[in-house]
Structures are given as C-alpha cells and as structure tokens.
N, C-alpha and C. Protein backbone atom coordinates (compact mmCIF):
# COMPACT_ATOMS: atom_id res chain seq x y z
N MET A 1 -15.95 -36.37 -48.31
CA MET A 1 -16.67 -37.58 -48.59
C MET A 1 -15.70 -38.75 -48.54
N MET A 2 -16.04 -39.78 -47.80
CA MET A 2 -15.19 -40.95 -47.67
C MET A 2 -15.61 -42.00 -48.68
N LEU A 3 -14.63 -42.57 -49.37
CA LEU A 3 -14.90 -43.64 -50.31
C LEU A 3 -14.22 -44.90 -49.85
N GLY A 4 -14.87 -45.99 -49.94
CA GLY A 4 -14.28 -47.28 -49.59
C GLY A 4 -13.77 -47.31 -48.17
N ASN A 5 -12.53 -47.76 -47.97
CA ASN A 5 -11.92 -47.92 -46.66
C ASN A 5 -11.00 -46.76 -46.29
N ASP A 6 -11.19 -45.59 -46.86
CA ASP A 6 -10.32 -44.43 -46.55
C ASP A 6 -10.57 -43.99 -45.11
N ARG A 7 -9.57 -44.18 -44.28
CA ARG A 7 -9.71 -43.82 -42.86
C ARG A 7 -8.80 -42.65 -42.49
N SER A 8 -8.32 -41.89 -43.46
CA SER A 8 -7.40 -40.80 -43.15
C SER A 8 -8.06 -39.73 -42.27
N GLY A 9 -9.36 -39.46 -42.46
CA GLY A 9 -10.05 -38.51 -41.60
C GLY A 9 -10.10 -39.02 -40.17
N SER A 10 -10.33 -40.30 -40.00
CA SER A 10 -10.36 -40.90 -38.68
C SER A 10 -8.97 -40.86 -38.04
N ALA A 11 -7.94 -41.11 -38.83
CA ALA A 11 -6.56 -41.05 -38.32
C ALA A 11 -6.21 -39.63 -37.90
N ASP A 12 -6.63 -38.64 -38.68
CA ASP A 12 -6.36 -37.24 -38.34
C ASP A 12 -7.01 -36.87 -37.01
N ARG A 13 -8.23 -37.37 -36.81
CA ARG A 13 -8.92 -37.09 -35.54
C ARG A 13 -8.18 -37.72 -34.37
N TRP A 14 -7.67 -38.95 -34.56
CA TRP A 14 -6.92 -39.61 -33.48
C TRP A 14 -5.63 -38.86 -33.17
N VAL A 15 -4.94 -38.39 -34.19
CA VAL A 15 -3.70 -37.61 -33.99
C VAL A 15 -4.04 -36.34 -33.21
N PHE A 16 -5.13 -35.67 -33.61
CA PHE A 16 -5.55 -34.46 -32.90
C PHE A 16 -5.88 -34.76 -31.44
N ARG A 17 -6.62 -35.83 -31.21
CA ARG A 17 -7.00 -36.20 -29.84
C ARG A 17 -5.76 -36.53 -29.00
N LEU A 18 -4.83 -37.26 -29.57
CA LEU A 18 -3.60 -37.59 -28.84
C LEU A 18 -2.79 -36.34 -28.51
N ALA A 19 -2.70 -35.42 -29.48
CA ALA A 19 -1.97 -34.17 -29.24
C ALA A 19 -2.66 -33.35 -28.15
N LEU A 20 -3.98 -33.30 -28.18
CA LEU A 20 -4.73 -32.58 -27.16
C LEU A 20 -4.53 -33.21 -25.78
N MET A 21 -4.58 -34.52 -25.71
CA MET A 21 -4.37 -35.20 -24.43
C MET A 21 -2.96 -34.95 -23.91
N ALA A 22 -1.96 -34.98 -24.79
CA ALA A 22 -0.58 -34.72 -24.38
C ALA A 22 -0.45 -33.30 -23.84
N LEU A 23 -1.09 -32.35 -24.49
CA LEU A 23 -1.06 -30.97 -24.03
C LEU A 23 -1.70 -30.84 -22.65
N LEU A 24 -2.85 -31.46 -22.46
CA LEU A 24 -3.53 -31.41 -21.16
C LEU A 24 -2.69 -32.05 -20.06
N VAL A 25 -2.06 -33.18 -20.38
CA VAL A 25 -1.21 -33.85 -19.39
C VAL A 25 -0.04 -32.95 -19.01
N ALA A 26 0.48 -32.18 -19.96
CA ALA A 26 1.60 -31.30 -19.67
C ALA A 26 1.19 -30.04 -18.92
N VAL A 27 0.01 -29.49 -19.24
CA VAL A 27 -0.39 -28.18 -18.70
C VAL A 27 -1.15 -28.28 -17.37
N LEU A 28 -1.99 -29.27 -17.18
CA LEU A 28 -2.80 -29.34 -15.96
C LEU A 28 -1.99 -29.35 -14.68
N PRO A 29 -0.89 -30.10 -14.57
CA PRO A 29 -0.12 -30.02 -13.32
C PRO A 29 0.42 -28.62 -13.04
N MET A 30 0.77 -27.88 -14.09
CA MET A 30 1.27 -26.52 -13.89
C MET A 30 0.16 -25.62 -13.37
N LEU A 31 -1.05 -25.80 -13.88
CA LEU A 31 -2.17 -24.98 -13.41
C LEU A 31 -2.47 -25.27 -11.95
N GLY A 32 -2.36 -26.51 -11.54
CA GLY A 32 -2.60 -26.87 -10.15
C GLY A 32 -1.56 -26.28 -9.22
N ALA A 33 -0.35 -26.04 -9.71
CA ALA A 33 0.72 -25.50 -8.88
C ALA A 33 0.67 -23.99 -8.78
N CYS A 34 -0.15 -23.35 -9.60
CA CYS A 34 -0.23 -21.90 -9.56
C CYS A 34 -0.83 -21.45 -8.24
N GLY A 35 -0.33 -20.33 -7.72
CA GLY A 35 -0.84 -19.81 -6.47
C GLY A 35 -2.23 -19.23 -6.65
N GLY A 36 -2.92 -19.13 -5.56
CA GLY A 36 -4.25 -18.55 -5.61
C GLY A 36 -4.79 -18.34 -4.22
N GLN A 37 -5.90 -17.65 -4.16
CA GLN A 37 -6.53 -17.40 -2.88
C GLN A 37 -7.23 -18.67 -2.41
N ASP A 38 -7.15 -18.97 -1.13
CA ASP A 38 -7.88 -20.11 -0.60
C ASP A 38 -9.12 -19.62 0.12
N ALA A 39 -9.95 -20.56 0.54
CA ALA A 39 -11.24 -20.21 1.15
C ALA A 39 -11.08 -19.46 2.46
N ALA A 40 -9.94 -19.58 3.13
CA ALA A 40 -9.74 -18.91 4.41
C ALA A 40 -9.15 -17.52 4.25
N GLY A 41 -9.15 -16.98 3.04
CA GLY A 41 -8.63 -15.64 2.83
C GLY A 41 -7.12 -15.63 2.74
N GLY A 42 -6.52 -16.75 2.46
CA GLY A 42 -5.07 -16.83 2.31
C GLY A 42 -4.71 -17.13 0.88
N ALA A 43 -3.43 -17.32 0.66
CA ALA A 43 -2.94 -17.67 -0.67
C ALA A 43 -1.87 -18.72 -0.49
N SER A 44 -1.68 -19.55 -1.53
CA SER A 44 -0.63 -20.56 -1.43
C SER A 44 0.06 -20.72 -2.76
N ASP A 45 1.33 -21.09 -2.69
CA ASP A 45 2.13 -21.29 -3.88
C ASP A 45 3.42 -21.99 -3.50
N GLY A 46 3.75 -23.08 -4.19
CA GLY A 46 5.04 -23.73 -4.02
C GLY A 46 5.36 -24.15 -2.60
N GLY A 47 4.37 -24.62 -1.84
CA GLY A 47 4.63 -25.05 -0.47
C GLY A 47 4.53 -23.92 0.54
N ILE A 48 4.34 -22.70 0.09
CA ILE A 48 4.18 -21.55 0.99
C ILE A 48 2.72 -21.15 1.00
N THR A 49 2.16 -21.00 2.20
CA THR A 49 0.80 -20.52 2.36
C THR A 49 0.85 -19.23 3.16
N VAL A 50 0.08 -18.24 2.72
CA VAL A 50 -0.01 -16.96 3.42
C VAL A 50 -1.44 -16.83 3.91
N ARG A 51 -1.58 -16.54 5.21
CA ARG A 51 -2.91 -16.38 5.82
C ARG A 51 -2.99 -15.05 6.54
N GLU A 52 -4.21 -14.57 6.68
CA GLU A 52 -4.53 -13.42 7.53
C GLU A 52 -3.68 -12.19 7.20
N ALA A 53 -3.47 -11.92 5.91
CA ALA A 53 -2.68 -10.76 5.52
C ALA A 53 -3.51 -9.49 5.69
N TRP A 54 -2.90 -8.49 6.36
CA TRP A 54 -3.58 -7.21 6.56
C TRP A 54 -2.55 -6.10 6.68
N LEU A 55 -2.99 -4.88 6.47
CA LEU A 55 -2.13 -3.72 6.69
C LEU A 55 -2.96 -2.59 7.23
N ARG A 56 -2.24 -1.66 7.84
CA ARG A 56 -2.92 -0.52 8.48
C ARG A 56 -3.19 0.58 7.46
N PRO A 57 -4.31 1.33 7.64
CA PRO A 57 -4.56 2.48 6.77
C PRO A 57 -3.49 3.55 6.99
N ALA A 58 -3.24 4.36 5.97
CA ALA A 58 -2.24 5.42 6.08
C ALA A 58 -2.49 6.48 5.01
N PRO A 59 -2.08 7.73 5.26
CA PRO A 59 -2.27 8.80 4.27
C PRO A 59 -1.19 8.75 3.18
N ALA A 60 -1.45 9.40 2.08
CA ALA A 60 -0.43 9.56 1.04
C ALA A 60 0.79 10.25 1.66
N GLY A 61 1.97 9.81 1.30
CA GLY A 61 3.20 10.36 1.87
C GLY A 61 3.61 9.71 3.17
N GLY A 62 2.71 8.95 3.78
CA GLY A 62 3.00 8.29 5.05
C GLY A 62 3.56 6.89 4.84
N SER A 63 3.62 6.17 5.93
CA SER A 63 4.10 4.79 5.93
C SER A 63 3.06 3.91 6.60
N THR A 64 3.13 2.62 6.29
CA THR A 64 2.25 1.65 6.93
C THR A 64 3.02 0.35 7.11
N ALA A 65 2.41 -0.59 7.80
CA ALA A 65 3.03 -1.90 7.99
C ALA A 65 2.03 -2.97 7.58
N ALA A 66 2.56 -4.06 7.02
CA ALA A 66 1.74 -5.21 6.63
C ALA A 66 2.11 -6.39 7.51
N TYR A 67 1.11 -7.19 7.83
CA TYR A 67 1.27 -8.34 8.73
C TYR A 67 0.61 -9.55 8.09
N MET A 68 1.05 -10.73 8.46
CA MET A 68 0.50 -11.96 7.90
C MET A 68 1.10 -13.16 8.62
N VAL A 69 0.58 -14.32 8.31
CA VAL A 69 1.15 -15.57 8.79
C VAL A 69 1.69 -16.30 7.56
N LEU A 70 2.97 -16.65 7.59
CA LEU A 70 3.62 -17.37 6.49
C LEU A 70 3.85 -18.81 6.94
N VAL A 71 3.34 -19.76 6.18
CA VAL A 71 3.50 -21.17 6.52
C VAL A 71 4.31 -21.83 5.42
N ASN A 72 5.44 -22.42 5.81
CA ASN A 72 6.27 -23.18 4.86
C ASN A 72 5.91 -24.65 5.05
N GLU A 73 5.10 -25.17 4.16
CA GLU A 73 4.65 -26.56 4.24
C GLU A 73 5.63 -27.50 3.55
N GLY A 74 6.69 -26.94 2.96
CA GLY A 74 7.65 -27.75 2.22
C GLY A 74 8.67 -28.43 3.11
N ALA A 75 9.54 -29.20 2.46
CA ALA A 75 10.58 -29.96 3.17
C ALA A 75 11.90 -29.21 3.24
N THR A 76 11.98 -28.01 2.62
CA THR A 76 13.21 -27.23 2.66
C THR A 76 12.91 -25.81 3.13
N ASP A 77 13.93 -25.17 3.70
CA ASP A 77 13.80 -23.78 4.13
C ASP A 77 13.58 -22.89 2.91
N VAL A 78 12.84 -21.80 3.11
CA VAL A 78 12.59 -20.81 2.07
C VAL A 78 12.86 -19.44 2.67
N ARG A 79 13.46 -18.55 1.87
CA ARG A 79 13.74 -17.19 2.35
C ARG A 79 12.85 -16.18 1.63
N LEU A 80 12.13 -15.38 2.42
CA LEU A 80 11.38 -14.24 1.88
C LEU A 80 12.40 -13.13 1.65
N LEU A 81 12.65 -12.78 0.39
CA LEU A 81 13.66 -11.78 0.05
C LEU A 81 13.13 -10.36 0.12
N GLY A 82 11.88 -10.19 -0.25
CA GLY A 82 11.33 -8.84 -0.28
C GLY A 82 9.86 -8.87 -0.61
N VAL A 83 9.27 -7.68 -0.59
CA VAL A 83 7.84 -7.52 -0.86
C VAL A 83 7.69 -6.32 -1.78
N GLY A 84 6.85 -6.46 -2.78
CA GLY A 84 6.59 -5.37 -3.70
C GLY A 84 5.23 -4.74 -3.47
N PHE A 85 5.23 -3.41 -3.54
CA PHE A 85 3.99 -2.63 -3.50
C PHE A 85 4.24 -1.42 -4.40
N PRO A 86 3.62 -1.36 -5.57
CA PRO A 86 3.98 -0.34 -6.56
C PRO A 86 3.73 1.10 -6.15
N ASP A 87 2.87 1.33 -5.18
CA ASP A 87 2.53 2.70 -4.79
C ASP A 87 3.31 3.19 -3.57
N ALA A 88 4.53 2.65 -3.39
CA ALA A 88 5.38 3.08 -2.28
C ALA A 88 6.80 3.31 -2.80
N GLU A 89 7.48 4.25 -2.17
CA GLU A 89 8.88 4.52 -2.54
C GLU A 89 9.76 3.30 -2.26
N ARG A 90 9.53 2.66 -1.12
CA ARG A 90 10.28 1.44 -0.81
C ARG A 90 9.48 0.57 0.16
N VAL A 91 9.83 -0.72 0.13
CA VAL A 91 9.20 -1.70 1.01
C VAL A 91 10.33 -2.54 1.61
N GLU A 92 10.31 -2.69 2.93
CA GLU A 92 11.39 -3.40 3.63
C GLU A 92 10.82 -4.39 4.63
N ILE A 93 11.58 -5.44 4.87
CA ILE A 93 11.23 -6.39 5.92
C ILE A 93 11.91 -5.89 7.20
N HIS A 94 11.14 -5.72 8.25
CA HIS A 94 11.63 -5.20 9.52
C HIS A 94 11.32 -6.17 10.65
N GLU A 95 12.03 -5.96 11.75
CA GLU A 95 11.73 -6.65 12.99
C GLU A 95 11.87 -5.65 14.12
N THR A 96 10.90 -5.62 15.01
CA THR A 96 10.98 -4.77 16.18
C THR A 96 11.73 -5.53 17.27
N VAL A 97 12.79 -4.92 17.77
CA VAL A 97 13.57 -5.53 18.85
C VAL A 97 13.54 -4.61 20.05
N MET A 98 13.56 -5.21 21.22
CA MET A 98 13.55 -4.42 22.45
C MET A 98 14.99 -4.27 22.96
N GLU A 99 15.36 -3.05 23.24
CA GLU A 99 16.65 -2.75 23.86
C GLU A 99 16.33 -2.05 25.18
N GLY A 100 16.35 -2.85 26.25
CA GLY A 100 15.86 -2.35 27.53
C GLY A 100 14.36 -2.16 27.43
N ASP A 101 13.90 -0.95 27.67
CA ASP A 101 12.47 -0.67 27.55
C ASP A 101 12.15 0.14 26.29
N ILE A 102 13.08 0.15 25.34
CA ILE A 102 12.90 0.90 24.10
C ILE A 102 12.76 -0.07 22.93
N ALA A 103 11.68 0.10 22.16
CA ALA A 103 11.46 -0.71 20.95
C ALA A 103 12.14 -0.02 19.78
N ARG A 104 12.88 -0.81 19.00
CA ARG A 104 13.59 -0.27 17.84
C ARG A 104 13.33 -1.17 16.64
N MET A 105 13.06 -0.55 15.48
CA MET A 105 12.86 -1.33 14.25
C MET A 105 14.21 -1.58 13.59
N VAL A 106 14.42 -2.83 13.19
CA VAL A 106 15.65 -3.22 12.51
C VAL A 106 15.29 -3.72 11.12
N HIS A 107 15.93 -3.13 10.11
CA HIS A 107 15.72 -3.56 8.72
C HIS A 107 16.44 -4.89 8.50
N ARG A 108 15.73 -5.89 8.02
CA ARG A 108 16.29 -7.22 7.75
C ARG A 108 16.59 -7.32 6.26
N ALA A 109 17.72 -6.74 5.84
CA ALA A 109 18.10 -6.71 4.43
C ALA A 109 18.28 -8.11 3.85
N GLU A 110 18.66 -9.06 4.70
CA GLU A 110 18.86 -10.45 4.24
C GLU A 110 17.54 -11.17 4.03
N GLY A 111 16.44 -10.55 4.37
CA GLY A 111 15.13 -11.18 4.23
C GLY A 111 14.75 -11.93 5.50
N LEU A 112 13.86 -12.85 5.32
CA LEU A 112 13.31 -13.58 6.46
C LEU A 112 13.30 -15.07 6.13
N LEU A 113 14.02 -15.86 6.93
CA LEU A 113 14.08 -17.30 6.72
C LEU A 113 12.82 -17.96 7.26
N LEU A 114 12.20 -18.79 6.42
CA LEU A 114 11.02 -19.56 6.81
C LEU A 114 11.44 -21.02 6.86
N PRO A 115 11.74 -21.55 8.05
CA PRO A 115 12.19 -22.94 8.15
C PRO A 115 11.14 -23.92 7.62
N ALA A 116 11.62 -25.02 7.06
CA ALA A 116 10.73 -26.05 6.53
C ALA A 116 9.77 -26.53 7.61
N GLY A 117 8.52 -26.72 7.23
CA GLY A 117 7.52 -27.24 8.14
C GLY A 117 7.15 -26.32 9.28
N SER A 118 7.37 -25.01 9.10
CA SER A 118 7.11 -24.08 10.21
C SER A 118 6.14 -22.98 9.80
N GLN A 119 5.74 -22.23 10.80
CA GLN A 119 4.85 -21.09 10.63
C GLN A 119 5.56 -19.87 11.20
N THR A 120 5.57 -18.76 10.45
CA THR A 120 6.20 -17.52 10.90
C THR A 120 5.15 -16.42 10.89
N GLU A 121 4.98 -15.79 12.04
CA GLU A 121 3.97 -14.74 12.14
C GLU A 121 4.62 -13.36 12.02
N LEU A 122 4.09 -12.55 11.13
CA LEU A 122 4.46 -11.14 11.04
C LEU A 122 3.36 -10.38 11.75
N ALA A 123 3.69 -9.72 12.86
CA ALA A 123 2.68 -9.12 13.72
C ALA A 123 3.19 -7.80 14.30
N PRO A 124 2.28 -6.94 14.77
CA PRO A 124 2.72 -5.70 15.43
C PRO A 124 3.71 -6.00 16.56
N MET A 125 4.70 -5.17 16.66
CA MET A 125 5.78 -5.28 17.67
C MET A 125 6.65 -6.51 17.44
N GLY A 126 6.68 -7.02 16.23
CA GLY A 126 7.52 -8.16 15.87
C GLY A 126 8.02 -8.00 14.45
N LYS A 127 8.11 -9.09 13.74
CA LYS A 127 8.48 -9.05 12.33
C LYS A 127 7.31 -8.45 11.55
N HIS A 128 7.63 -7.63 10.54
CA HIS A 128 6.58 -7.02 9.73
C HIS A 128 7.16 -6.49 8.42
N VAL A 129 6.29 -6.10 7.52
CA VAL A 129 6.68 -5.48 6.25
C VAL A 129 6.40 -3.99 6.37
N MET A 130 7.45 -3.17 6.21
CA MET A 130 7.31 -1.72 6.31
C MET A 130 7.17 -1.14 4.91
N ILE A 131 6.09 -0.42 4.68
CA ILE A 131 5.79 0.18 3.38
C ILE A 131 5.92 1.70 3.56
N VAL A 132 6.90 2.29 2.87
CA VAL A 132 7.34 3.65 3.17
C VAL A 132 7.06 4.62 2.01
N ASP A 133 6.63 5.83 2.36
CA ASP A 133 6.40 6.94 1.43
C ASP A 133 5.37 6.57 0.36
N LEU A 134 4.15 6.44 0.82
CA LEU A 134 3.05 6.02 -0.04
C LEU A 134 2.69 7.10 -1.06
N ALA A 135 2.46 6.69 -2.29
CA ALA A 135 2.08 7.61 -3.36
C ALA A 135 0.59 7.98 -3.27
N ARG A 136 -0.17 7.20 -2.54
CA ARG A 136 -1.61 7.43 -2.40
C ARG A 136 -2.04 6.92 -1.03
N PRO A 137 -3.20 7.35 -0.56
CA PRO A 137 -3.67 6.85 0.74
C PRO A 137 -4.05 5.37 0.67
N ILE A 138 -3.90 4.70 1.79
CA ILE A 138 -4.36 3.32 1.96
C ILE A 138 -5.59 3.42 2.84
N GLU A 139 -6.75 3.11 2.26
CA GLU A 139 -8.03 3.36 2.91
C GLU A 139 -8.52 2.16 3.72
N ASP A 140 -9.00 2.43 4.94
CA ASP A 140 -9.59 1.41 5.80
C ASP A 140 -10.73 0.71 5.05
N GLY A 141 -10.77 -0.60 5.13
CA GLY A 141 -11.82 -1.38 4.48
C GLY A 141 -11.48 -1.84 3.07
N ALA A 142 -10.40 -1.31 2.50
CA ALA A 142 -10.00 -1.70 1.14
C ALA A 142 -9.20 -3.00 1.18
N SER A 143 -8.85 -3.48 0.02
CA SER A 143 -7.96 -4.62 -0.13
C SER A 143 -6.80 -4.17 -1.01
N GLU A 144 -5.59 -4.51 -0.63
CA GLU A 144 -4.40 -4.11 -1.38
C GLU A 144 -3.61 -5.35 -1.80
N THR A 145 -2.97 -5.29 -2.95
CA THR A 145 -2.17 -6.40 -3.46
C THR A 145 -0.70 -6.19 -3.14
N LEU A 146 -0.09 -7.20 -2.55
CA LEU A 146 1.35 -7.21 -2.28
C LEU A 146 1.95 -8.37 -3.07
N VAL A 147 3.21 -8.22 -3.49
CA VAL A 147 3.90 -9.30 -4.18
C VAL A 147 5.07 -9.74 -3.30
N LEU A 148 4.99 -10.97 -2.81
CA LEU A 148 6.06 -11.54 -1.99
C LEU A 148 7.06 -12.21 -2.92
N ARG A 149 8.36 -11.94 -2.69
CA ARG A 149 9.41 -12.54 -3.52
C ARG A 149 10.25 -13.48 -2.65
N PHE A 150 10.24 -14.76 -3.03
CA PHE A 150 10.96 -15.79 -2.29
C PHE A 150 12.19 -16.23 -3.07
N GLU A 151 13.26 -16.53 -2.35
CA GLU A 151 14.49 -16.98 -2.99
C GLU A 151 14.26 -18.30 -3.72
N GLN A 152 13.63 -19.26 -3.08
CA GLN A 152 13.47 -20.59 -3.66
C GLN A 152 12.13 -20.80 -4.35
N ALA A 153 11.15 -19.98 -4.08
CA ALA A 153 9.79 -20.24 -4.58
C ALA A 153 9.27 -19.17 -5.54
N GLY A 154 10.08 -18.20 -5.94
CA GLY A 154 9.64 -17.17 -6.88
C GLY A 154 8.72 -16.14 -6.25
N ALA A 155 7.89 -15.52 -7.07
CA ALA A 155 7.00 -14.45 -6.62
C ALA A 155 5.59 -14.97 -6.40
N MET A 156 4.90 -14.33 -5.46
CA MET A 156 3.54 -14.73 -5.11
C MET A 156 2.72 -13.47 -4.80
N GLU A 157 1.59 -13.31 -5.47
CA GLU A 157 0.71 -12.18 -5.23
C GLU A 157 -0.29 -12.53 -4.15
N ILE A 158 -0.49 -11.61 -3.20
CA ILE A 158 -1.49 -11.84 -2.15
C ILE A 158 -2.36 -10.60 -2.00
N ASP A 159 -3.52 -10.78 -1.45
CA ASP A 159 -4.41 -9.67 -1.12
C ASP A 159 -4.39 -9.47 0.38
N ALA A 160 -4.20 -8.22 0.80
CA ALA A 160 -4.18 -7.89 2.22
C ALA A 160 -5.32 -6.92 2.51
N GLN A 161 -6.06 -7.20 3.57
CA GLN A 161 -7.17 -6.34 3.97
C GLN A 161 -6.63 -5.16 4.74
N VAL A 162 -7.19 -3.99 4.52
CA VAL A 162 -6.78 -2.77 5.23
C VAL A 162 -7.70 -2.60 6.42
N ARG A 163 -7.09 -2.53 7.63
CA ARG A 163 -7.87 -2.35 8.85
C ARG A 163 -6.98 -1.75 9.94
N LEU A 164 -7.61 -1.30 10.99
CA LEU A 164 -6.88 -0.63 12.08
C LEU A 164 -6.09 -1.57 12.97
N GLY A 165 -6.52 -2.81 13.11
CA GLY A 165 -5.83 -3.73 14.00
C GLY A 165 -6.14 -5.17 13.66
N PRO A 166 -5.50 -6.08 14.40
CA PRO A 166 -5.66 -7.52 14.11
C PRO A 166 -7.04 -8.06 14.26
C-alpha cells in the first residue's frame, strides 16, 4: 500500500526495467551471431556459411565421405581444422589428387584454408571429409550431424543429408 508520495515501488520497477533492458542489449547480439540452419538447407556462423552438405550411405565398420560448399563471407582467411562425427573411429580432411591416370587420396592434416571472400567446394574426386570405421550404418535418406572445427571461428554444427550422389 502506497501512502502519500512514496515512490519506492515505482523506482524499483524502473531499476528492474533498466536491468532487463541492459541484459537484452547484451544478449541479443550474441543470439544473432549464433549459427543455425538457413532456408536453403545450409548453416552459417561467424562469417562461414555451409551449403549443400551431404554424405554417402555406408555400412557399420565401413567408411564414407562428406561433401559440402564452404563460403567464407568474412574479411580474413579461416582454416577448417577438422570435423567431428561421434560414431566414427576417425574423421580426416582429404583431397583426391591425380598422379598420371591414378587417383590418390591425400590426408590434409593441416586442414583446409578458406580464403576470405571465397567459396570452397568439397566434392567427389576433390576435397572431402573422410569418415572412417563407422560404429553404425549410415542410412540413405537420413540426416547426420557433423561438427566443423575452425581455427578462427570455433565449432559449428551442421546437418548433412545421406544420399547416393550429388
């Protein structure tokens, strides 16, 4: 009950409102920077956009490859250091190189440099993510989660569709 000119309840409400506004001003920009799926079936985070992520079906104990388009929309180069997939013994970044008429896969332990303002395609017979010794089958038509780890941009979760080809 308020008596006379006691405005302490009103002051408390203003303090609460100011604190709430300060919290929103601090948190909303961070929420906008969080990665997420976009309408085109891609994901974006920290200036990196991933589109058209897919991988081939494979049996348990086998290997598969993941492909995607990586777009660095930022002003600085970014390096993809690795990719995580919990149901595999190991995951490596590879590149298929031709030596004469023989195709050979080369493990890119240093990762993959994504130059600023560029697009890098991971595709069959080129750069790709090799997922080795699967603990379970990867079923055609499913969606699988991969975690991309970037040197400058941290980790980013993406969904990749499982299918036989591009």
